[in-house]
Amino acid sequence: MAIATPLSTSGRFIVDAHGKRVRLAGVNWYGASEDMGVPAGLDCVDRNTLAGLIAKQGTAVETDFAAMYMTVGNLIHEINPNLLIICEGLNYAGDLTGVASHHVKLAEPNKIVYSMHDYSWCDHPAGQSQAAYFAQMNKNGGFILTEGIAPLWLGEFGDTASALSSPGGGGTWWANLQAWLKEYDVDWCWWALNPTHGQSCAPGTSQIECNWGAPEPYGLLALDWSDVGYPAVVTMLQALMQPRTGPGIA
């Protein structure tokens, strides 16, 4: 991929060093928060091999949180001013409404990306119409794009991969989400890559919440971590990878 770093922002878009639109389209690989302190799956596959597998799928197409982000972002930029600073919303990252009146502003310009999450259980009523879904998402954070405030990254979304592989799987939420991502050309990251868990305990306790090797129903990979386990879902995600608008996009 010919992307010239460092990345910056231009209005609602992330752009490379030449000013060309870069769309974030990824997958979450979790596990560093679990008992072993490293992402799960490293006992099955080398991280470079796994990174190559992920990249291959893309070749087919409280508090004043704003003040906290400003303080931390400026400290990070003292070490490396080239980095993008990603700022999540409140309420499990589902609420960015505060951005309307209180932007995060850093000493280094054009480095803020806002992030929100969305799942079928995120306060979406059963059978929600597309228009109602669009209105809800745009109120929660989509206005950041439509008003040209900054880029918006849907940093987490997902569902049971086996269900989404079936016709009609995911119901109205999955259909609405795909339509919203396409309509507003949103950057995104699927939850999750992992087909299995590492062992994880409730914070500060020895109470096991997930055993080592327990299946992760949202995971895209096969149980042995060697390849894609749900190609139908990956195909749907591939259809959302290429940016449609923005600087340098024909």
C-alpha atoms as a PDB file:
ATOM      1  CA  MET A   1       0.000   0.000   0.000  1.00  0.00           C
ATOM      2  CA  ALA A   2       1.516   3.316  -1.108  1.00  0.00           C
ATOM      3  CA  ILE A   3       0.717   5.436   1.949  1.00  0.00           C
ATOM      4  CA  ALA A   4       3.145   8.237   2.710  1.00  0.00           C
ATOM      5  CA  THR A   5       3.536   8.843   6.440  1.00  0.00           C
ATOM      6  CA  PRO A   6       3.066  10.663   8.723  1.00  0.00           C
ATOM      7  CA  LEU A   7      -0.718  10.796   8.710  1.00  0.00           C
ATOM      8  CA  SER A   8      -2.661  13.954   9.505  1.00  0.00           C
ATOM      9  CA  THR A   9      -6.257  15.154   9.266  1.00  0.00           C
ATOM     10  CA  SER A  10      -7.914  17.512   6.815  1.00  0.00           C
ATOM     11  CA  GLY A  11     -11.459  18.390   7.848  1.00  0.00           C
ATOM     12  CA  ARG A  12     -13.356  15.113   8.156  1.00  0.00           C
ATOM     13  CA  PHE A  13     -10.645  13.034   6.457  1.00  0.00           C
ATOM     14  CA  ILE A  14      -7.426  11.323   7.491  1.00  0.00           C
ATOM     15  CA  VAL A  15      -4.770  12.068   4.868  1.00  0.00           C
ATOM     16  CA  ASP A  16      -1.217  10.948   4.151  1.00  0.00           C
ATOM     17  CA  ALA A  17       1.843  13.164   3.796  1.00  0.00           C
ATOM     18  CA  HIS A  18       0.791  14.016   0.221  1.00  0.00           C
ATOM     19  CA  GLY A  19      -2.702  15.044   1.298  1.00  0.00           C
ATOM     20  CA  LYS A  20      -4.361  11.896  -0.107  1.00  0.00           C
ATOM     21  CA  ARG A  21      -7.290  10.338   1.760  1.00  0.00           C
ATOM     22  CA  VAL A  22      -6.458   7.332   3.918  1.00  0.00           C
ATOM     23  CA  ARG A  23      -9.339   5.215   5.157  1.00  0.00           C
ATOM     24  CA  LEU A  24      -8.816   3.227   8.338  1.00  0.00           C
ATOM     25  CA  ALA A  25     -10.317  -0.236   7.873  1.00  0.00           C
ATOM     26  CA  GLY A  26      -9.083  -2.786  10.370  1.00  0.00           C
ATOM     27  CA  VAL A  27      -9.800  -5.492  12.907  1.00  0.00           C
ATOM     28  CA  ASN A  28      -9.306  -5.496  16.690  1.00  0.00           C
ATOM     29  CA  TRP A  29      -6.791  -8.044  18.032  1.00  0.00           C
ATOM     30  CA  TYR A  30      -7.262  -8.168  21.784  1.00  0.00           C
ATOM     31  CA  GLY A  31      -5.746 -10.044  24.697  1.00  0.00           C
ATOM     32  CA  ALA A  32      -3.097  -7.784  26.221  1.00  0.00           C
ATOM     33  CA  SER A  33      -5.618  -7.021  28.983  1.00  0.00           C
ATOM     34  CA  GLU A  34      -5.940 -10.699  29.874  1.00  0.00           C
ATOM     35  CA  ASP A  35      -3.864 -12.663  32.402  1.00  0.00           C
ATOM     36  CA  MET A  36      -0.830 -13.303  30.179  1.00  0.00           C
ATOM     37  CA  GLY A  37      -0.526  -9.622  29.271  1.00  0.00           C
ATOM     38  CA  VAL A  38      -0.069 -10.285  25.538  1.00  0.00           C
ATOM     39  CA  PRO A  39      -2.545 -10.641  22.652  1.00  0.00           C
ATOM     40  CA  ALA A  40      -4.002 -14.140  22.331  1.00  0.00           C
ATOM     41  CA  GLY A  41      -2.938 -16.351  19.449  1.00  0.00           C
ATOM     42  CA  LEU A  42       0.832 -15.864  19.631  1.00  0.00           C
ATOM     43  CA  ASP A  43       1.140 -19.486  20.730  1.00  0.00           C
ATOM     44  CA  CYS A  44      -0.397 -20.467  17.382  1.00  0.00           C
ATOM     45  CA  VAL A  45       1.027 -18.039  14.837  1.00  0.00           C
ATOM     46  CA  ASP A  46       3.868 -15.530  14.496  1.00  0.00           C
ATOM     47  CA  ARG A  47       2.696 -11.919  14.721  1.00  0.00           C
ATOM     48  CA  ASN A  48       4.251 -11.043  11.368  1.00  0.00           C
ATOM     49  CA  THR A  49       2.433 -13.937   9.688  1.00  0.00           C
ATOM     50  CA  LEU A  50      -0.822 -12.817  11.286  1.00  0.00           C
ATOM     51  CA  ALA A  51      -0.252  -9.214  10.219  1.00  0.00           C
ATOM     52  CA  GLY A  52       0.280 -10.433   6.668  1.00  0.00           C
ATOM     53  CA  LEU A  53      -2.972 -12.409   6.806  1.00  0.00           C
ATOM     54  CA  ILE A  54      -4.866  -9.309   7.998  1.00  0.00           C
ATOM     55  CA  ALA A  55      -3.327  -7.108   5.315  1.00  0.00           C
ATOM     56  CA  LYS A  56      -4.111  -9.689   2.647  1.00  0.00           C
ATOM     57  CA  GLN A  57      -7.828  -9.308   3.301  1.00  0.00           C
ATOM     58  CA  GLY A  58      -7.623  -5.680   2.208  1.00  0.00           C
ATOM     59  CA  THR A  59      -6.184  -6.316  -1.214  1.00  0.00           C
ATOM     60  CA  ALA A  60      -9.429  -7.477  -2.764  1.00  0.00           C
ATOM     61  CA  VAL A  61     -11.033  -4.015  -3.215  1.00  0.00           C
ATOM     62  CA  GLU A  62     -16.380  12.620  34.796  1.00  0.00           C
ATOM     63  CA  THR A  63     -14.943  14.242  34.056  1.00  0.00           C
ATOM     64  CA  ASP A  64     -13.620  16.703  31.279  1.00  0.00           C
ATOM     65  CA  PHE A  65     -12.502  14.078  28.845  1.00  0.00           C
ATOM     66  CA  ALA A  66     -11.582  16.732  26.287  1.00  0.00           C
ATOM     67  CA  ALA A  67      -9.093  18.235  28.765  1.00  0.00           C
ATOM     68  CA  MET A  68      -7.685  14.772  29.468  1.00  0.00           C
ATOM     69  CA  TYR A  69      -7.243  14.088  25.750  1.00  0.00           C
ATOM     70  CA  MET A  70      -5.610  17.478  25.268  1.00  0.00           C
ATOM     71  CA  THR A  71      -3.179  16.937  28.140  1.00  0.00           C
ATOM     72  CA  VAL A  72      -2.248  13.398  27.166  1.00  0.00           C
ATOM     73  CA  GLY A  73      -2.194  14.158  23.445  1.00  0.00           C
ATOM     74  CA  ASN A  74       0.181  17.076  23.901  1.00  0.00           C
ATOM     75  CA  LEU A  75       2.470  14.951  26.089  1.00  0.00           C
ATOM     76  CA  ILE A  76       2.536  12.221  23.432  1.00  0.00           C
ATOM     77  CA  HIS A  77       3.339  14.785  20.768  1.00  0.00           C
ATOM     78  CA  GLU A  78       6.320  16.004  22.783  1.00  0.00           C
ATOM     79  CA  ILE A  79       7.787  12.555  22.060  1.00  0.00           C
ATOM     80  CA  ASN A  80       6.423  12.095  18.544  1.00  0.00           C
ATOM     81  CA  PRO A  81       4.471  14.935  16.912  1.00  0.00           C
ATOM     82  CA  ASN A  82       3.570  12.772  13.897  1.00  0.00           C
ATOM     83  CA  LEU A  83       1.073  10.534  15.697  1.00  0.00           C
ATOM     84  CA  LEU A  84      -2.697  10.753  15.337  1.00  0.00           C
ATOM     85  CA  ILE A  85      -4.480  11.063  18.693  1.00  0.00           C
ATOM     86  CA  ILE A  86      -7.665   8.961  18.779  1.00  0.00           C
ATOM     87  CA  CYS A  87     -10.310  10.209  21.225  1.00  0.00           C
ATOM     88  CA  GLU A  88     -13.168   7.877  22.194  1.00  0.00           C
ATOM     89  CA  GLY A  89     -16.605   8.918  23.306  1.00  0.00           C
ATOM     90  CA  LEU A  90     -18.366   8.268  26.605  1.00  0.00           C
ATOM     91  CA  ASN A  91     -20.853   5.524  27.523  1.00  0.00           C
ATOM     92  CA  TYR A  92     -18.732   2.661  26.166  1.00  0.00           C
ATOM     93  CA  ALA A  93     -17.573   4.985  23.372  1.00  0.00           C
ATOM     94  CA  GLY A  94     -21.112   5.294  22.038  1.00  0.00           C
ATOM     95  CA  ASP A  95     -21.616   8.986  22.834  1.00  0.00           C
ATOM     96  CA  LEU A  96     -19.626  11.792  21.193  1.00  0.00           C
ATOM     97  CA  THR A  97     -22.320  14.444  21.556  1.00  0.00           C
ATOM     98  CA  GLY A  98     -20.031  16.566  23.740  1.00  0.00           C
ATOM     99  CA  VAL A  99     -17.793  17.254  20.754  1.00  0.00           C
ATOM    100  CA  ALA A 100     -20.460  19.597  19.379  1.00  0.00           C
ATOM    101  CA  SER A 101     -19.643  22.177  22.052  1.00  0.00           C
ATOM    102  CA  HIS A 102     -16.210  21.104  23.265  1.00  0.00           C
ATOM    103  CA  HIS A 103     -13.621  20.078  20.654  1.00  0.00           C
ATOM    104  CA  VAL A 104     -10.309  18.511  21.589  1.00  0.00           C
ATOM    105  CA  LYS A 105      -7.598  20.981  20.564  1.00  0.00           C
ATOM    106  CA  LEU A 106      -3.913  20.109  20.522  1.00  0.00           C
ATOM    107  CA  ALA A 107      -0.822  22.234  20.084  1.00  0.00           C
ATOM    108  CA  GLU A 108      -0.005  20.118  17.029  1.00  0.00           C
ATOM    109  CA  PRO A 109      -2.728  20.839  14.423  1.00  0.00           C
ATOM    110  CA  ASN A 110      -4.637  18.292  12.358  1.00  0.00           C
ATOM    111  CA  LYS A 111      -3.953  15.222  14.498  1.00  0.00           C
ATOM    112  CA  ILE A 112      -7.323  14.477  16.171  1.00  0.00           C
ATOM    113  CA  VAL A 113      -9.487  11.487  15.200  1.00  0.00           C
ATOM    114  CA  TYR A 114     -12.685  10.765  17.145  1.00  0.00           C
ATOM    115  CA  SER A 115     -13.800   7.176  17.760  1.00  0.00           C
ATOM    116  CA  MET A 116     -17.149   5.606  18.620  1.00  0.00           C
ATOM    117  CA  HIS A 117     -18.456   2.037  18.990  1.00  0.00           C
ATOM    118  CA  ASP A 118     -21.673   0.415  17.846  1.00  0.00           C
ATOM    119  CA  TYR A 119     -23.269  -3.007  18.356  1.00  0.00           C
ATOM    120  CA  SER A 120     -26.765  -4.373  17.893  1.00  0.00           C
ATOM    121  CA  TRP A 121     -27.318  -4.069  21.652  1.00  0.00           C
ATOM    122  CA  CYS A 122     -26.305  -0.377  21.761  1.00  0.00           C
ATOM    123  CA  ASP A 123     -29.778   1.010  22.401  1.00  0.00           C
ATOM    124  CA  HIS A 124     -31.093   0.082  18.953  1.00  0.00           C
ATOM    125  CA  PRO A 125     -34.759  -0.997  19.012  1.00  0.00           C
ATOM    126  CA  ALA A 126     -35.732  -4.185  17.201  1.00  0.00           C
ATOM    127  CA  GLY A 127     -36.685  -3.585  13.588  1.00  0.00           C
ATOM    128  CA  GLN A 128     -35.246  -0.057  13.602  1.00  0.00           C
ATOM    129  CA  SER A 129     -35.705   1.659  10.247  1.00  0.00           C
ATOM    130  CA  GLN A 130     -32.667   2.778   8.284  1.00  0.00           C
ATOM    131  CA  ALA A 131     -33.715   6.419   8.594  1.00  0.00           C
ATOM    132  CA  ALA A 132     -34.051   6.118  12.378  1.00  0.00           C
ATOM    133  CA  TYR A 133     -30.696   4.348  12.637  1.00  0.00           C
ATOM    134  CA  PHE A 134     -28.971   7.028  10.552  1.00  0.00           C
ATOM    135  CA  ALA A 135     -30.505   9.758  12.724  1.00  0.00           C
ATOM    136  CA  GLN A 136     -29.388   8.016  15.919  1.00  0.00           C
ATOM    137  CA  MET A 137     -25.820   7.443  14.716  1.00  0.00           C
ATOM    138  CA  ASN A 138     -25.478  10.957  13.349  1.00  0.00           C
ATOM    139  CA  LYS A 139     -26.719  12.420  16.639  1.00  0.00           C
ATOM    140  CA  ASN A 140     -24.305  10.258  18.657  1.00  0.00           C
ATOM    141  CA  GLY A 141     -21.255  11.205  16.612  1.00  0.00           C
ATOM    142  CA  GLY A 142     -21.821  11.184  12.859  1.00  0.00           C
ATOM    143  CA  PHE A 143     -22.259  14.967  12.915  1.00  0.00           C
ATOM    144  CA  ILE A 144     -18.476  15.145  13.366  1.00  0.00           C
ATOM    145  CA  LEU A 145     -18.223  14.032   9.725  1.00  0.00           C
ATOM    146  CA  THR A 146     -21.150  15.920   8.243  1.00  0.00           C
ATOM    147  CA  GLU A 147     -20.008  19.183   9.852  1.00  0.00           C
ATOM    148  CA  GLY A 148     -16.395  18.617   8.792  1.00  0.00           C
ATOM    149  CA  ILE A 149     -15.085  18.806  12.377  1.00  0.00           C
ATOM    150  CA  ALA A 150     -12.649  15.883  12.173  1.00  0.00           C
ATOM    151  CA  PRO A 151     -12.393  12.270  10.986  1.00  0.00           C
ATOM    152  CA  LEU A 152     -14.616   9.731  12.754  1.00  0.00           C
ATOM    153  CA  TRP A 153     -13.518   6.119  13.215  1.00  0.00           C
ATOM    154  CA  LEU A 154     -15.987   3.400  14.211  1.00  0.00           C
ATOM    155  CA  GLY A 155     -13.352   1.730  16.356  1.00  0.00           C
ATOM    156  CA  GLU A 156     -15.505  -1.249  17.351  1.00  0.00           C
ATOM    157  CA  PHE A 157     -18.467  -3.035  15.805  1.00  0.00           C
ATOM    158  CA  GLY A 158     -19.256  -6.694  15.348  1.00  0.00           C
ATOM    159  CA  ASP A 159     -21.617  -9.595  15.874  1.00  0.00           C
ATOM    160  CA  THR A 160     -21.608 -13.395  15.890  1.00  0.00           C
ATOM    161  CA  ALA A 161     -19.666 -14.218  12.737  1.00  0.00           C
ATOM    162  CA  SER A 162     -21.440 -17.519  12.089  1.00  0.00           C
ATOM    163  CA  ALA A 163     -24.822 -15.769  12.184  1.00  0.00           C
ATOM    164  CA  LEU A 164     -23.702 -12.998   9.838  1.00  0.00           C
ATOM    165  CA  SER A 165     -22.551 -15.668   7.373  1.00  0.00           C
ATOM    166  CA  SER A 166     -26.170 -16.796   6.962  1.00  0.00           C
ATOM    167  CA  PRO A 167     -28.703 -14.986   4.722  1.00  0.00           C
ATOM    168  CA  GLY A 168     -30.370 -12.254   6.743  1.00  0.00           C
ATOM    169  CA  GLY A 169     -27.923 -12.737   9.608  1.00  0.00           C
ATOM    170  CA  GLY A 170     -27.529  -9.720  11.851  1.00  0.00           C
ATOM    171  CA  GLY A 171     -31.044  -8.495  11.166  1.00  0.00           C
ATOM    172  CA  THR A 172     -31.850  -4.844  10.615  1.00  0.00           C
ATOM    173  CA  TRP A 173     -28.907  -3.619  12.700  1.00  0.00           C
ATOM    174  CA  TRP A 174     -26.307  -5.221  10.438  1.00  0.00           C
ATOM    175  CA  ALA A 175     -28.047  -3.973   7.303  1.00  0.00           C
ATOM    176  CA  ASN A 176     -28.410  -0.471   8.763  1.00  0.00           C
ATOM    177  CA  LEU A 177     -24.799  -0.355   9.920  1.00  0.00           C
ATOM    178  CA  GLN A 178     -23.407  -1.358   6.529  1.00  0.00           C
ATOM    179  CA  ALA A 179     -25.603   1.247   4.853  1.00  0.00           C
ATOM    180  CA  TRP A 180     -24.444   3.966   7.288  1.00  0.00           C
ATOM    181  CA  LEU A 181     -20.767   3.133   6.803  1.00  0.00           C
ATOM    182  CA  LYS A 182     -21.208   3.300   3.032  1.00  0.00           C
ATOM    183  CA  GLU A 183     -23.371   6.414   2.956  1.00  0.00           C
ATOM    184  CA  TYR A 184     -21.046   8.471   5.152  1.00  0.00           C
ATOM    185  CA  ASP A 185     -17.796   6.797   4.053  1.00  0.00           C
ATOM    186  CA  VAL A 186     -16.800   6.102   7.665  1.00  0.00           C
ATOM    187  CA  ASP A 187     -13.467   4.661   8.808  1.00  0.00           C
ATOM    188  CA  TRP A 188     -13.899   1.488  10.875  1.00  0.00           C
ATOM    189  CA  CYS A 189     -12.402  -1.469  12.760  1.00  0.00           C
ATOM    190  CA  TRP A 190     -14.189  -4.818  13.254  1.00  0.00           C
ATOM    191  CA  TRP A 191     -14.372  -6.563  16.643  1.00  0.00           C
ATOM    192  CA  ALA A 192     -12.647  -8.977  16.583  1.00  0.00           C
ATOM    193  CA  LEU A 193      -9.870 -10.879  14.882  1.00  0.00           C
ATOM    194  CA  ASN A 194      -9.503 -13.396  17.715  1.00  0.00           C
ATOM    195  CA  PRO A 195     -11.215 -16.794  17.266  1.00  0.00           C
ATOM    196  CA  THR A 196     -10.293 -17.797  20.852  1.00  0.00           C
ATOM    197  CA  HIS A 197      -9.664 -16.143  24.207  1.00  0.00           C
ATOM    198  CA  GLY A 198      -6.650 -16.154  26.424  1.00  0.00           C
ATOM    199  CA  GLN A 199      -7.397 -16.721  30.099  1.00  0.00           C
ATOM    200  CA  SER A 200      -8.802 -13.590  31.689  1.00  0.00           C
ATOM    201  CA  CYS A 201      -9.844 -12.828  35.244  1.00  0.00           C
ATOM    202  CA  ALA A 202     -12.050 -10.091  36.601  1.00  0.00           C
ATOM    203  CA  PRO A 203      -9.783  -7.119  37.433  1.00  0.00           C
ATOM    204  CA  GLY A 204      -8.303  -7.405  40.918  1.00  0.00           C
ATOM    205  CA  THR A 205      -9.634 -10.924  41.474  1.00  0.00           C
ATOM    206  CA  SER A 206      -8.837 -14.527  40.618  1.00  0.00           C
ATOM    207  CA  GLN A 207     -12.313 -15.117  39.230  1.00  0.00           C
ATOM    208  CA  ILE A 208     -11.876 -16.515  35.727  1.00  0.00           C
ATOM    209  CA  GLU A 209     -14.173 -14.901  33.163  1.00  0.00           C
ATOM    210  CA  CYS A 210     -12.749 -16.635  30.076  1.00  0.00           C
ATOM    211  CA  ASN A 211     -10.685 -19.813  29.957  1.00  0.00           C
ATOM    212  CA  TRP A 212      -7.721 -20.213  27.652  1.00  0.00           C
ATOM    213  CA  GLY A 213      -8.934 -21.322  24.227  1.00  0.00           C
ATOM    214  CA  ALA A 214     -12.602 -20.469  24.814  1.00  0.00           C
ATOM    215  CA  PRO A 215     -14.269 -19.583  21.488  1.00  0.00           C
ATOM    216  CA  GLU A 216     -14.817 -15.923  20.582  1.00  0.00           C
ATOM    217  CA  PRO A 217     -18.072 -15.839  18.589  1.00  0.00           C
ATOM    218  CA  TYR A 218     -17.294 -12.467  16.968  1.00  0.00           C
ATOM    219  CA  GLY A 219     -13.850 -13.631  15.775  1.00  0.00           C
ATOM    220  CA  LEU A 220     -13.073 -13.744  12.054  1.00  0.00           C
ATOM    221  CA  LEU A 221     -10.313 -16.369  12.067  1.00  0.00           C
ATOM    222  CA  ALA A 222     -10.512 -20.168  12.126  1.00  0.00           C
ATOM    223  CA  LEU A 223     -10.029 -21.731  15.565  1.00  0.00           C
ATOM    224  CA  ASP A 224      -6.377 -22.612  14.814  1.00  0.00           C
ATOM    225  CA  TRP A 225      -5.626 -18.966  13.880  1.00  0.00           C
ATOM    226  CA  SER A 226      -4.251 -20.087  10.516  1.00  0.00           C
ATOM    227  CA  ASP A 227      -6.763 -18.499   8.121  1.00  0.00           C
ATOM    228  CA  VAL A 228     -10.076 -16.713   7.769  1.00  0.00           C
ATOM    229  CA  GLY A 229     -12.871 -18.730   9.333  1.00  0.00           C
ATOM    230  CA  TYR A 230     -15.811 -16.726   7.986  1.00  0.00           C
ATOM    231  CA  PRO A 231     -15.057 -15.630   4.409  1.00  0.00           C
ATOM    232  CA  ALA A 232     -18.638 -14.431   3.859  1.00  0.00           C
ATOM    233  CA  VAL A 233     -18.196 -11.842   6.621  1.00  0.00           C
ATOM    234  CA  VAL A 234     -14.789 -10.812   5.283  1.00  0.00           C
ATOM    235  CA  THR A 235     -16.350 -10.344   1.841  1.00  0.00           C
ATOM    236  CA  MET A 236     -18.933  -7.987   3.332  1.00  0.00           C
ATOM    237  CA  LEU A 237     -16.179  -6.066   5.111  1.00  0.00           C
ATOM    238  CA  GLN A 238     -14.109  -5.883   1.929  1.00  0.00           C
ATOM    239  CA  ALA A 239     -17.012  -4.082   0.284  1.00  0.00           C
ATOM    240  CA  LEU A 240     -16.590  -1.348   2.933  1.00  0.00           C
ATOM    241  CA  MET A 241     -12.820  -0.919   2.631  1.00  0.00           C
ATOM    242  CA  GLN A 242     -12.269   1.409  -0.280  1.00  0.00           C
ATOM    243  CA  PRO A 243     -12.895   5.132   0.346  1.00  0.00           C
ATOM    244  CA  ARG A 244     -15.407   6.789  -1.994  1.00  0.00           C
ATOM    245  CA  THR A 245     -14.688  10.446  -1.278  1.00  0.00           C
ATOM    246  CA  GLY A 246     -11.916  12.686  -0.069  1.00  0.00           C
ATOM    247  CA  PRO A 247      -8.648  14.270  -1.208  1.00  0.00           C
ATOM    248  CA  GLY A 248      -6.910  12.303  -3.950  1.00  0.00           C
ATOM    249  CA  ILE A 249      -9.879   9.974  -4.537  1.00  0.00           C
ATOM    250  CA  ALA A 250     -10.878   9.918  -8.214  1.00  0.00           C
END
